[in-house]
PDB file of N, CA and C in Angstrom:
ATOM      1  N   UNK A   1     -85.933 101.995 -63.205  1.00  0.00           N
ATOM      2  CA  UNK A   1     -87.139 102.789 -63.107  1.00  0.00           C
ATOM      3  C   UNK A   1     -88.026 102.459 -64.302  1.00  0.00           C
ATOM      4  N   UNK A   2     -89.335 102.167 -64.075  1.00  0.00           N
ATOM      5  CA  UNK A   2     -90.216 101.817 -65.186  1.00  0.00           C
ATOM      6  C   UNK A   2     -90.519 103.035 -66.055  1.00  0.00           C
ATOM      7  N   UNK A   3     -90.722 102.765 -67.318  1.00  0.00           N
ATOM      8  CA  UNK A   3     -91.042 103.842 -68.261  1.00  0.00           C
ATOM      9  C   UNK A   3     -92.477 104.313 -68.035  1.00  0.00           C
ATOM     10  N   UNK A   4     -92.690 105.594 -68.089  1.00  0.00           N
ATOM     11  CA  UNK A   4     -94.013 106.176 -67.935  1.00  0.00           C
ATOM     12  C   UNK A   4     -94.661 106.219 -69.313  1.00  0.00           C
ATOM     13  N   UNK A   5     -95.818 105.584 -69.450  1.00  0.00           N
ATOM     14  CA  UNK A   5     -96.448 105.603 -70.770  1.00  0.00           C
ATOM     15  C   UNK A   5     -96.935 107.016 -71.121  1.00  0.00           C
ATOM     16  N   UNK A   6     -96.831 107.336 -72.382  1.00  0.00           N
ATOM     17  CA  UNK A   6     -97.297 108.647 -72.847  1.00  0.00           C
ATOM     18  C   UNK A   6     -98.826 108.676 -72.783  1.00  0.00           C
ATOM     19  N   UNK A   7     -99.362 109.796 -72.379  1.00  0.00           N
ATOM     20  CA  UNK A   7    -100.824 109.907 -72.314  1.00  0.00           C
ATOM     21  C   UNK A   7    -101.356 110.214 -73.713  1.00  0.00           C
ATOM     22  N   UNK A   8    -102.340 109.465 -74.152  1.00  0.00           N
ATOM     23  CA  UNK A   8    -102.884 109.730 -75.487  1.00  0.00           C
ATOM     24  C   UNK A   8    -103.683 111.025 -75.494  1.00  0.00           C
ATOM     25  N   UNK A   9    -103.787 111.627 -76.671  1.00  0.00           N
ATOM     26  CA  UNK A   9    -104.578 112.844 -76.800  1.00  0.00           C
ATOM     27  C   UNK A   9    -106.054 112.480 -76.663  1.00  0.00           C
ATOM     28  N   UNK A  10    -106.851 113.373 -76.071  1.00  0.00           N
ATOM     29  CA  UNK A  10    -108.274 113.063 -75.924  1.00  0.00           C
ATOM     30  C   UNK A  10    -108.939 112.935 -77.292  1.00  0.00           C
ATOM     31  N   UNK A  11    -109.892 112.033 -77.376  1.00  0.00           N
ATOM     32  CA  UNK A  11    -110.615 111.823 -78.628  1.00  0.00           C
ATOM     33  C   UNK A  11    -112.033 112.337 -78.476  1.00  0.00           C
ATOM     34  N   UNK A  12    -112.541 112.881 -79.527  1.00  0.00           N
ATOM     35  CA  UNK A  12    -113.932 113.335 -79.516  1.00  0.00           C
ATOM     36  C   UNK A  12    -114.845 112.135 -79.656  1.00  0.00           C
ATOM     37  N   UNK A  13    -116.008 112.253 -79.072  1.00  0.00           N
ATOM     38  CA  UNK A  13    -116.969 111.162 -79.179  1.00  0.00           C
ATOM     39  C   UNK A  13    -117.880 111.336 -80.386  1.00  0.00           C
ATOM     40  N   UNK A  14    -117.968 112.565 -80.884  1.00  0.00           N
ATOM     41  CA  UNK A  14    -118.795 112.805 -82.059  1.00  0.00           C
ATOM     42  C   UNK A  14    -117.939 113.410 -83.159  1.00  0.00           C
ATOM     43  N   UNK A  15    -118.097 112.971 -84.400  1.00  0.00           N
ATOM     44  CA  UNK A  15    -117.316 113.573 -85.479  1.00  0.00           C
ATOM     45  C   UNK A  15    -117.817 114.969 -85.784  1.00  0.00           C
ATOM     46  N   UNK A  16    -116.939 115.795 -86.280  1.00  0.00           N
ATOM     47  CA  UNK A  16    -117.287 117.159 -86.646  1.00  0.00           C
ATOM     48  C   UNK A  16    -117.956 117.145 -87.999  1.00  0.00           C
ATOM     49  N   UNK A  17    -119.083 117.841 -88.093  1.00  0.00           N
ATOM     50  CA  UNK A  17    -119.771 117.978 -89.368  1.00  0.00           C
ATOM     51  C   UNK A  17    -120.108 119.447 -89.557  1.00  0.00           C
ATOM     52  N   UNK A  18    -119.726 120.023 -90.688  1.00  0.00           N
ATOM     53  CA  UNK A  18    -120.068 121.433 -90.900  1.00  0.00           C
ATOM     54  C   UNK A  18    -121.558 121.583 -91.110  1.00  0.00           C
ATOM     55  N   UNK A  19    -122.103 122.705 -90.677  1.00  0.00           N
ATOM     56  CA  UNK A  19    -123.522 122.961 -90.896  1.00  0.00           C
ATOM     57  C   UNK A  19    -123.723 123.364 -92.348  1.00  0.00           C
ATOM     58  N   UNK A  20    -124.947 123.246 -92.862  1.00  0.00           N
ATOM     59  CA  UNK A  20    -125.194 123.616 -94.257  1.00  0.00           C
ATOM     60  C   UNK A  20    -124.809 125.063 -94.514  1.00  0.00           C
ATOM     61  N   UNK A  21    -124.119 125.292 -95.601  1.00  0.00           N
ATOM     62  CA  UNK A  21    -123.702 126.640 -95.970  1.00  0.00           C
ATOM     63  C   UNK A  21    -122.440 127.118 -95.284  1.00  0.00           C
ATOM     64  N   UNK A  22    -121.829 126.275 -94.455  1.00  0.00           N
ATOM     65  CA  UNK A  22    -120.632 126.686 -93.741  1.00  0.00           C
ATOM     66  C   UNK A  22    -119.437 126.635 -94.661  1.00  0.00           C
ATOM     67  N   UNK A  23    -118.558 127.601 -94.532  1.00  0.00           N
ATOM     68  CA  UNK A  23    -117.296 127.611 -95.267  1.00  0.00           C
ATOM     69  C   UNK A  23    -116.252 128.236 -94.362  1.00  0.00           C
ATOM     70  N   UNK A  24    -114.997 127.762 -94.419  1.00  0.00           N
ATOM     71  CA  UNK A  24    -113.964 128.367 -93.588  1.00  0.00           C
ATOM     72  C   UNK A  24    -113.677 129.788 -94.056  1.00  0.00           C
ATOM     73  N   UNK A  25    -113.196 130.666 -93.164  1.00  0.00           N
ATOM     74  CA  UNK A  25    -112.846 132.022 -93.569  1.00  0.00           C
ATOM     75  C   UNK A  25    -111.795 131.996 -94.670  1.00  0.00           C
ATOM     76  N   UNK A  26    -111.785 133.018 -95.502  1.00  0.00           N
ATOM     77  CA  UNK A  26    -110.806 133.085 -96.586  1.00  0.00           C
ATOM     78  C   UNK A  26    -109.394 133.066 -96.035  1.00  0.00           C
ATOM     79  N   UNK A  27    -108.560 132.318 -96.696  1.00  0.00           N
ATOM     80  CA  UNK A  27    -107.159 132.259 -96.301  1.00  0.00           C
ATOM     81  C   UNK A  27    -106.879 131.279 -95.174  1.00  0.00           C
ATOM     82  N   UNK A  28    -107.885 130.579 -94.702  1.00  0.00           N
ATOM     83  CA  UNK A  28    -107.650 129.606 -93.641  1.00  0.00           C
ATOM     84  C   UNK A  28    -108.185 128.252 -94.086  1.00  0.00           C
ATOM     85  N   UNK A  29    -107.763 127.256 -93.401  1.00  0.00           N
ATOM     86  CA  UNK A  29    -108.237 125.923 -93.738  1.00  0.00           C
ATOM     87  C   UNK A  29    -109.347 125.524 -92.771  1.00  0.00           C
ATOM     88  N   UNK A  30    -110.082 124.505 -93.128  1.00  0.00           N
ATOM     89  CA  UNK A  30    -111.147 124.005 -92.268  1.00  0.00           C
ATOM     90  C   UNK A  30    -110.546 123.436 -90.994  1.00  0.00           C
ATOM     91  N   UNK A  31    -111.259 123.484 -89.873  1.00  0.00           N
ATOM     92  CA  UNK A  31    -110.739 122.908 -88.636  1.00  0.00           C
ATOM     93  C   UNK A  31    -110.554 121.406 -88.773  1.00  0.00           C
ATOM     94  N   UNK A  32    -109.722 120.879 -87.925  1.00  0.00           N
ATOM     95  CA  UNK A  32    -109.477 119.442 -87.918  1.00  0.00           C
ATOM     96  C   UNK A  32    -110.789 118.735 -87.615  1.00  0.00           C
ATOM     97  N   UNK A  33    -111.309 117.934 -88.553  1.00  0.00           N
ATOM     98  CA  UNK A  33    -112.607 117.316 -88.328  1.00  0.00           C
ATOM     99  C   UNK A  33    -112.603 116.223 -87.264  1.00  0.00           C
ATOM    100  N   UNK A  34    -111.441 115.841 -86.775  1.00  0.00           N
ATOM    101  CA  UNK A  34    -111.404 114.774 -85.787  1.00  0.00           C
ATOM    102  C   UNK A  34    -111.855 115.225 -84.410  1.00  0.00           C
ATOM    103  N   UNK A  35    -111.784 116.527 -84.123  1.00  0.00           N
ATOM    104  CA  UNK A  35    -112.149 116.980 -82.788  1.00  0.00           C
ATOM    105  C   UNK A  35    -112.515 118.464 -82.792  1.00  0.00           C
ATOM    106  N   UNK A  36    -113.673 118.780 -82.283  1.00  0.00           N
ATOM    107  CA  UNK A  36    -114.092 120.165 -82.106  1.00  0.00           C
ATOM    108  C   UNK A  36    -114.854 120.277 -80.792  1.00  0.00           C
ATOM    109  N   UNK A  37    -114.992 121.491 -80.256  1.00  0.00           N
ATOM    110  CA  UNK A  37    -115.722 121.646 -78.995  1.00  0.00           C
ATOM    111  C   UNK A  37    -117.172 121.218 -79.139  1.00  0.00           C
ATOM    112  N   UNK A  38    -117.713 120.699 -78.065  1.00  0.00           N
ATOM    113  CA  UNK A  38    -119.118 120.303 -78.060  1.00  0.00           C
ATOM    114  C   UNK A  38    -120.002 121.494 -77.775  1.00  0.00           C
ATOM    115  N   UNK A  39    -121.225 121.379 -78.218  1.00  0.00           N
ATOM    116  CA  UNK A  39    -122.219 122.384 -77.880  1.00  0.00           C
ATOM    117  C   UNK A  39    -122.118 123.627 -78.727  1.00  0.00           C
ATOM    118  N   UNK A  40    -123.164 124.436 -78.635  1.00  0.00           N
ATOM    119  CA  UNK A  40    -123.210 125.682 -79.363  1.00  0.00           C
ATOM    120  C   UNK A  40    -122.655 126.788 -78.488  1.00  0.00           C
ATOM    121  N   UNK A  41    -121.863 127.639 -79.066  1.00  0.00           N
ATOM    122  CA  UNK A  41    -121.329 128.761 -78.300  1.00  0.00           C
ATOM    123  C   UNK A  41    -122.345 129.883 -78.275  1.00  0.00           C
ATOM    124  N   UNK A  42    -122.320 130.638 -77.210  1.00  0.00           N
ATOM    125  CA  UNK A  42    -123.234 131.762 -77.084  1.00  0.00           C
ATOM    126  C   UNK A  42    -122.953 132.799 -78.151  1.00  0.00           C
ATOM    127  N   UNK A  43    -124.007 133.339 -78.713  1.00  0.00           N
ATOM    128  CA  UNK A  43    -123.848 134.399 -79.694  1.00  0.00           C
ATOM    129  C   UNK A  43    -123.667 133.896 -81.115  1.00  0.00           C
ATOM    130  N   UNK A  44    -123.625 132.598 -81.339  1.00  0.00           N
ATOM    131  CA  UNK A  44    -123.476 132.097 -82.692  1.00  0.00           C
ATOM    132  C   UNK A  44    -124.832 132.090 -83.373  1.00  0.00           C
ATOM    133  N   UNK A  45    -124.815 132.269 -84.666  1.00  0.00           N
ATOM    134  CA  UNK A  45    -126.049 132.301 -85.427  1.00  0.00           C
ATOM    135  C   UNK A  45    -126.679 130.920 -85.461  1.00  0.00           C
ATOM    136  N   UNK A  46    -127.975 130.902 -85.423  1.00  0.00           N
ATOM    137  CA  UNK A  46    -128.704 129.647 -85.485  1.00  0.00           C
ATOM    138  C   UNK A  46    -129.692 129.772 -86.633  1.00  0.00           C
ATOM    139  N   UNK A  47    -129.706 128.827 -87.566  1.00  0.00           N
ATOM    140  CA  UNK A  47    -130.491 128.991 -88.779  1.00  0.00           C
ATOM    141  C   UNK A  47    -131.991 129.186 -88.555  1.00  0.00           C
ATOM    142  N   UNK A  48    -132.647 128.334 -87.792  1.00  0.00           N
ATOM    143  CA  UNK A  48    -134.087 128.457 -87.591  1.00  0.00           C
ATOM    144  C   UNK A  48    -134.452 127.960 -86.205  1.00  0.00           C
ATOM    145  N   UNK A  49    -134.329 128.814 -85.175  1.00  0.00           N
ATOM    146  CA  UNK A  49    -134.615 128.347 -83.825  1.00  0.00           C
ATOM    147  C   UNK A  49    -136.069 127.931 -83.641  1.00  0.00           C
ATOM    148  N   UNK A  50    -136.976 128.509 -84.401  1.00  0.00           N
ATOM    149  CA  UNK A  50    -138.389 128.153 -84.266  1.00  0.00           C
ATOM    150  C   UNK A  50    -138.602 126.703 -84.681  1.00  0.00           C
ATOM    151  N   UNK A  51    -137.766 126.206 -85.595  1.00  0.00           N
ATOM    152  CA  UNK A  51    -137.908 124.825 -86.068  1.00  0.00           C
ATOM    153  C   UNK A  51    -137.602 123.817 -84.964  1.00  0.00           C
ATOM    154  N   UNK A  52    -136.875 124.223 -83.931  1.00  0.00           N
ATOM    155  CA  UNK A  52    -136.538 123.323 -82.821  1.00  0.00           C
ATOM    156  C   UNK A  52    -137.673 123.178 -81.815  1.00  0.00           C
ATOM    157  N   UNK A  53    -138.653 124.077 -81.865  1.00  0.00           N
ATOM    158  CA  UNK A  53    -139.742 124.048 -80.899  1.00  0.00           C
ATOM    159  C   UNK A  53    -140.757 122.963 -81.251  1.00  0.00           C
ATOM    160  N   UNK A  54    -141.336 122.375 -80.216  1.00  0.00           N
ATOM    161  CA  UNK A  54    -142.443 121.456 -80.438  1.00  0.00           C
ATOM    162  C   UNK A  54    -143.660 122.297 -80.843  1.00  0.00           C
ATOM    163  N   UNK A  55    -144.661 121.685 -81.469  1.00  0.00           N
ATOM    164  CA  UNK A  55    -145.845 122.464 -81.841  1.00  0.00           C
ATOM    165  C   UNK A  55    -146.510 123.151 -80.635  1.00  0.00           C
ATOM    166  N   UNK A  56    -146.557 122.468 -79.509  1.00  0.00           N
ATOM    167  CA  UNK A  56    -147.168 123.060 -78.312  1.00  0.00           C
ATOM    168  C   UNK A  56    -146.334 124.229 -77.794  1.00  0.00           C
ATOM    169  N   UNK A  57    -145.004 124.066 -77.777  1.00  0.00           N
ATOM    170  CA  UNK A  57    -144.130 125.165 -77.347  1.00  0.00           C
ATOM    171  C   UNK A  57    -144.320 126.373 -78.254  1.00  0.00           C
ATOM    172  N   UNK A  58    -144.391 126.133 -79.551  1.00  0.00           N
ATOM    173  CA  UNK A  58    -144.553 127.234 -80.500  1.00  0.00           C
ATOM    174  C   UNK A  58    -145.870 127.967 -80.259  1.00  0.00           C
ATOM    175  N   UNK A  59    -146.936 127.229 -80.031  1.00  0.00           N
ATOM    176  CA  UNK A  59    -148.235 127.843 -79.772  1.00  0.00           C
ATOM    177  C   UNK A  59    -148.181 128.701 -78.503  1.00  0.00           C
ATOM    178  N   UNK A  60    -147.593 128.155 -77.454  1.00  0.00           N
ATOM    179  CA  UNK A  60    -147.480 128.892 -76.188  1.00  0.00           C
ATOM    180  C   UNK A  60    -146.599 130.123 -76.362  1.00  0.00           C
ATOM    181  N   UNK A  61    -145.488 129.977 -77.054  1.00  0.00           N
ATOM    182  CA  UNK A  61    -144.558 131.098 -77.254  1.00  0.00           C
ATOM    183  C   UNK A  61    -145.219 132.213 -78.056  1.00  0.00           C
ATOM    184  N   UNK A  62    -145.954 131.850 -79.094  1.00  0.00           N
ATOM    185  CA  UNK A  62    -146.626 132.879 -79.901  1.00  0.00           C
ATOM    186  C   UNK A  62    -147.642 133.660 -79.065  1.00  0.00           C
ATOM    187  N   UNK A  63    -148.393 132.957 -78.233  1.00  0.00           N
ATOM    188  CA  UNK A  63    -149.366 133.648 -77.379  1.00  0.00           C
ATOM    189  C   UNK A  63    -148.653 134.518 -76.341  1.00  0.00           C
ATOM    190  N   UNK A  64    -147.572 134.011 -75.767  1.00  0.00           N
ATOM    191  CA  UNK A  64    -146.827 134.793 -74.774  1.00  0.00           C
ATOM    192  C   UNK A  64    -146.200 136.033 -75.417  1.00  0.00           C
ATOM    193  N   UNK A  65    -145.748 135.906 -76.658  1.00  0.00           N
ATOM    194  CA  UNK A  65    -145.120 137.039 -77.352  1.00  0.00           C
ATOM    195  C   UNK A  65    -146.122 138.149 -77.644  1.00  0.00           C
ATOM    196  N   UNK A  66    -147.400 137.795 -77.746  1.00  0.00           N
ATOM    197  CA  UNK A  66    -148.417 138.817 -78.000  1.00  0.00           C
ATOM    198  C   UNK A  66    -148.917 139.469 -76.715  1.00  0.00           C
ATOM    199  N   UNK A  67    -148.390 139.050 -75.577  1.00  0.00           N
ATOM    200  CA  UNK A  67    -148.718 139.715 -74.323  1.00  0.00           C
ATOM    201  C   UNK A  67    -149.684 138.973 -73.427  1.00  0.00           C
ATOM    202  N   UNK A  68    -150.086 137.772 -73.787  1.00  0.00           N
ATOM    203  CA  UNK A  68    -150.994 137.010 -72.942  1.00  0.00           C
ATOM    204  C   UNK A  68    -150.271 136.515 -71.689  1.00  0.00           C
ATOM    205  N   UNK A  69    -150.983 136.466 -70.587  1.00  0.00           N
ATOM    206  CA  UNK A  69    -150.411 135.936 -69.349  1.00  0.00           C
ATOM    207  C   UNK A  69    -150.452 134.414 -69.384  1.00  0.00           C
ATOM    208  N   UNK A  70    -149.727 133.792 -68.487  1.00  0.00           N
ATOM    209  CA  UNK A  70    -149.737 132.327 -68.410  1.00  0.00           C
ATOM    210  C   UNK A  70    -151.133 131.810 -68.115  1.00  0.00           C
ATOM    211  N   UNK A  71    -151.846 132.522 -67.281  1.00  0.00           N
ATOM    212  CA  UNK A  71    -153.207 132.112 -66.932  1.00  0.00           C
ATOM    213  C   UNK A  71    -154.132 132.186 -68.151  1.00  0.00           C
ATOM    214  N   UNK A  72    -153.992 133.243 -68.958  1.00  0.00           N
ATOM    215  CA  UNK A  72    -154.812 133.385 -70.169  1.00  0.00           C
ATOM    216  C   UNK A  72    -154.467 132.310 -71.201  1.00  0.00           C
ATOM    217  N   UNK A  73    -153.173 132.056 -71.366  1.00  0.00           N
ATOM    218  CA  UNK A  73    -152.732 131.022 -72.311  1.00  0.00           C
ATOM    219  C   UNK A  73    -153.261 129.661 -71.863  1.00  0.00           C
ATOM    220  N   UNK A  74    -153.163 129.396 -70.576  1.00  0.00           N
ATOM    221  CA  UNK A  74    -153.620 128.115 -70.030  1.00  0.00           C
ATOM    222  C   UNK A  74    -155.113 127.917 -70.283  1.00  0.00           C
ATOM    223  N   UNK A  75    -155.900 128.950 -70.076  1.00  0.00           N
ATOM    224  CA  UNK A  75    -157.340 128.842 -70.291  1.00  0.00           C
ATOM    225  C   UNK A  75    -157.652 128.601 -71.769  1.00  0.00           C
ATOM    226  N   UNK A  76    -156.922 129.268 -72.642  1.00  0.00           N
ATOM    227  CA  UNK A  76    -157.178 129.136 -74.070  1.00  0.00           C
ATOM    228  C   UNK A  76    -156.784 127.758 -74.599  1.00  0.00           C
ATOM    229  N   UNK A  77    -155.705 127.179 -74.058  1.00  0.00           N
ATOM    230  CA  UNK A  77    -155.203 125.890 -74.554  1.00  0.00           C
ATOM    231  C   UNK A  77    -155.617 124.710 -73.672  1.00  0.00           C
ATOM    232  N   UNK A  78    -156.423 124.954 -72.686  1.00  0.00           N
ATOM    233  CA  UNK A  78    -156.874 123.910 -71.756  1.00  0.00           C
ATOM    234  C   UNK A  78    -155.687 123.224 -71.071  1.00  0.00           C
ATOM    235  N   UNK A  79    -154.792 124.047 -70.552  1.00  0.00           N
ATOM    236  CA  UNK A  79    -153.610 123.581 -69.809  1.00  0.00           C
ATOM    237  C   UNK A  79    -153.619 124.243 -68.447  1.00  0.00           C
ATOM    238  N   UNK A  80    -152.723 123.806 -67.576  1.00  0.00           N
ATOM    239  CA  UNK A  80    -152.539 124.513 -66.315  1.00  0.00           C
ATOM    240  C   UNK A  80    -151.519 125.632 -66.544  1.00  0.00           C
ATOM    241  N   UNK A  81    -151.600 126.698 -65.755  1.00  0.00           N
ATOM    242  CA  UNK A  81    -150.606 127.770 -65.891  1.00  0.00           C
ATOM    243  C   UNK A  81    -149.180 127.256 -65.679  1.00  0.00           C
ATOM    244  N   UNK A  82    -149.040 126.260 -64.829  1.00  0.00           N
ATOM    245  CA  UNK A  82    -147.709 125.705 -64.590  1.00  0.00           C
ATOM    246  C   UNK A  82    -147.165 124.992 -65.834  1.00  0.00           C
ATOM    247  N   UNK A  83    -148.026 124.324 -66.586  1.00  0.00           N
ATOM    248  CA  UNK A  83    -147.612 123.677 -67.825  1.00  0.00           C
ATOM    249  C   UNK A  83    -147.192 124.723 -68.851  1.00  0.00           C
ATOM    250  N   UNK A  84    -147.905 125.834 -68.902  1.00  0.00           N
ATOM    251  CA  UNK A  84    -147.530 126.935 -69.795  1.00  0.00           C
ATOM    252  C   UNK A  84    -146.133 127.428 -69.438  1.00  0.00           C
ATOM    253  N   UNK A  85    -145.885 127.632 -68.155  1.00  0.00           N
ATOM    254  CA  UNK A  85    -144.568 128.085 -67.707  1.00  0.00           C
ATOM    255  C   UNK A  85    -143.486 127.077 -68.077  1.00  0.00           C
ATOM    256  N   UNK A  86    -143.798 125.795 -67.981  1.00  0.00           N
ATOM    257  CA  UNK A  86    -142.835 124.757 -68.348  1.00  0.00           C
ATOM    258  C   UNK A  86    -142.504 124.833 -69.840  1.00  0.00           C
ATOM    259  N   UNK A  87    -143.508 125.007 -70.688  1.00  0.00           N
ATOM    260  CA  UNK A  87    -143.264 125.125 -72.124  1.00  0.00           C
ATOM    261  C   UNK A  87    -142.383 126.339 -72.422  1.00  0.00           C
ATOM    262  N   UNK A  88    -142.640 127.440 -71.740  1.00  0.00           N
ATOM    263  CA  UNK A  88    -141.805 128.630 -71.935  1.00  0.00           C
ATOM    264  C   UNK A  88    -140.373 128.379 -71.446  1.00  0.00           C
ATOM    265  N   UNK A  89    -140.249 127.697 -70.313  1.00  0.00           N
ATOM    266  CA  UNK A  89    -138.939 127.363 -69.751  1.00  0.00           C
ATOM    267  C   UNK A  89    -138.115 126.539 -70.742  1.00  0.00           C
ATOM    268  N   UNK A  90    -138.774 125.593 -71.421  1.00  0.00           N
ATOM    269  CA  UNK A  90    -138.079 124.749 -72.392  1.00  0.00           C
ATOM    270  C   UNK A  90    -137.800 125.490 -73.703  1.00  0.00           C
ATOM    271  N   UNK A  91    -138.651 126.453 -74.052  1.00  0.00           N
ATOM    272  CA  UNK A  91    -138.516 127.169 -75.320  1.00  0.00           C
ATOM    273  C   UNK A  91    -137.473 128.288 -75.272  1.00  0.00           C
ATOM    274  N   UNK A  92    -137.318 128.946 -74.136  1.00  0.00           N
ATOM    275  CA  UNK A  92    -136.391 130.079 -74.052  1.00  0.00           C
ATOM    276  C   UNK A  92    -134.978 129.738 -74.520  1.00  0.00           C
ATOM    277  N   UNK A  93    -134.346 128.668 -74.026  1.00  0.00           N
ATOM    278  CA  UNK A  93    -132.988 128.385 -74.501  1.00  0.00           C
ATOM    279  C   UNK A  93    -132.938 128.041 -75.995  1.00  0.00           C
ATOM    280  N   UNK A  94    -133.982 127.405 -76.490  1.00  0.00           N
ATOM    281  CA  UNK A  94    -134.014 127.059 -77.917  1.00  0.00           C
ATOM    282  C   UNK A  94    -134.064 128.309 -78.783  1.00  0.00           C
ATOM    283  N   UNK A  95    -134.692 129.357 -78.262  1.00  0.00           N
ATOM    284  CA  UNK A  95    -134.816 130.607 -78.999  1.00  0.00           C
ATOM    285  C   UNK A  95    -133.724 131.606 -78.661  1.00  0.00           C
ATOM    286  N   UNK A  96    -132.942 131.317 -77.633  1.00  0.00           N
ATOM    287  CA  UNK A  96    -131.866 132.220 -77.232  1.00  0.00           C
ATOM    288  C   UNK A  96    -132.362 133.460 -76.513  1.00  0.00           C
ATOM    289  N   UNK A  97    -133.470 133.336 -75.811  1.00  0.00           N
ATOM    290  CA  UNK A  97    -134.025 134.461 -75.058  1.00  0.00           C
ATOM    291  C   UNK A  97    -134.149 134.074 -73.589  1.00  0.00           C
ATOM    292  N   UNK A  98    -134.429 135.070 -72.755  1.00  0.00           N
ATOM    293  CA  UNK A  98    -134.569 134.780 -71.332  1.00  0.00           C
ATOM    294  C   UNK A  98    -135.795 135.444 -70.709  1.00  0.00           C
ATOM    295  N   UNK A  99    -136.617 136.099 -71.534  1.00  0.00           N
ATOM    296  CA  UNK A  99    -137.803 136.748 -70.970  1.00  0.00           C
ATOM    297  C   UNK A  99    -138.894 136.889 -72.024  1.00  0.00           C
ATOM    298  N   UNK A 100    -140.106 137.179 -71.555  1.00  0.00           N
ATOM    299  CA  UNK A 100    -141.229 137.414 -72.473  1.00  0.00           C
ATOM    300  C   UNK A 100    -140.998 138.666 -73.307  1.00  0.00           C
ATOM    301  N   UNK A 101    -140.340 139.642 -72.730  1.00  0.00           N
ATOM    302  CA  UNK A 101    -140.056 140.875 -73.467  1.00  0.00           C
ATOM    303  C   UNK A 101    -139.201 140.578 -74.690  1.00  0.00           C
ATOM    304  N   UNK A 102    -138.215 139.693 -74.541  1.00  0.00           N
ATOM    305  CA  UNK A 102    -137.370 139.312 -75.671  1.00  0.00           C
ATOM    306  C   UNK A 102    -138.163 138.508 -76.705  1.00  0.00           C
ATOM    307  N   UNK A 103    -139.160 137.747 -76.261  1.00  0.00           N
ATOM    308  CA  UNK A 103    -140.002 136.994 -77.182  1.00  0.00           C
ATOM    309  C   UNK A 103    -140.719 137.915 -78.156  1.00  0.00           C
ATOM    310  N   UNK A 104    -141.184 139.059 -77.644  1.00  0.00           N
ATOM    311  CA  UNK A 104    -141.954 139.975 -78.493  1.00  0.00           C
ATOM    312  C   UNK A 104    -141.109 140.549 -79.617  1.00  0.00           C
ATOM    313  N   UNK A 105    -139.797 140.504 -79.490  1.00  0.00           N
ATOM    314  CA  UNK A 105    -138.904 141.040 -80.535  1.00  0.00           C
ATOM    315  C   UNK A 105    -138.567 140.017 -81.619  1.00  0.00           C
ATOM    316  N   UNK A 106    -138.915 138.760 -81.382  1.00  0.00           N
ATOM    317  CA  UNK A 106    -138.588 137.707 -82.343  1.00  0.00           C
ATOM    318  C   UNK A 106    -139.618 137.604 -83.445  1.00  0.00           C
ATOM    319  N   UNK A 107    -139.167 137.134 -84.608  1.00  0.00           N
ATOM    320  CA  UNK A 107    -140.077 136.842 -85.712  1.00  0.00           C
ATOM    321  C   UNK A 107    -140.487 135.378 -85.560  1.00  0.00           C
ATOM    322  N   UNK A 108    -141.678 135.136 -85.103  1.00  0.00           N
ATOM    323  CA  UNK A 108    -142.143 133.771 -84.827  1.00  0.00           C
ATOM    324  C   UNK A 108    -143.078 133.259 -85.914  1.00  0.00           C
ATOM    325  N   UNK A 109    -142.905 133.766 -87.107  1.00  0.00           N
ATOM    326  CA  UNK A 109    -143.770 133.333 -88.233  1.00  0.00           C
ATOM    327  C   UNK A 109    -143.490 131.917 -88.661  1.00  0.00           C
TER     328      UNK A 109
END
């Protein structure tokens, strides 16, 4: 009977890098840097979500947070209302929100 080769452990495609200011909890060691889960987990702190927005997304988000409609924002920025909606669609996950009401609670300075 032929020998069954052992299956190798999965390898990560990206190395683990701690974010600035990160430190392991007291009494524990840092995670194995060779492999960590991909992506950001829900509910984790994000240092500056506004920094991830494009300038146009930020402008649209600020206007939407003050209560302007997509049609009003579009007229002010010389865009179509659909383009405004697209910018909001792309900005919501970056900011960790899902509605205009949640936008009004954010500090977008």
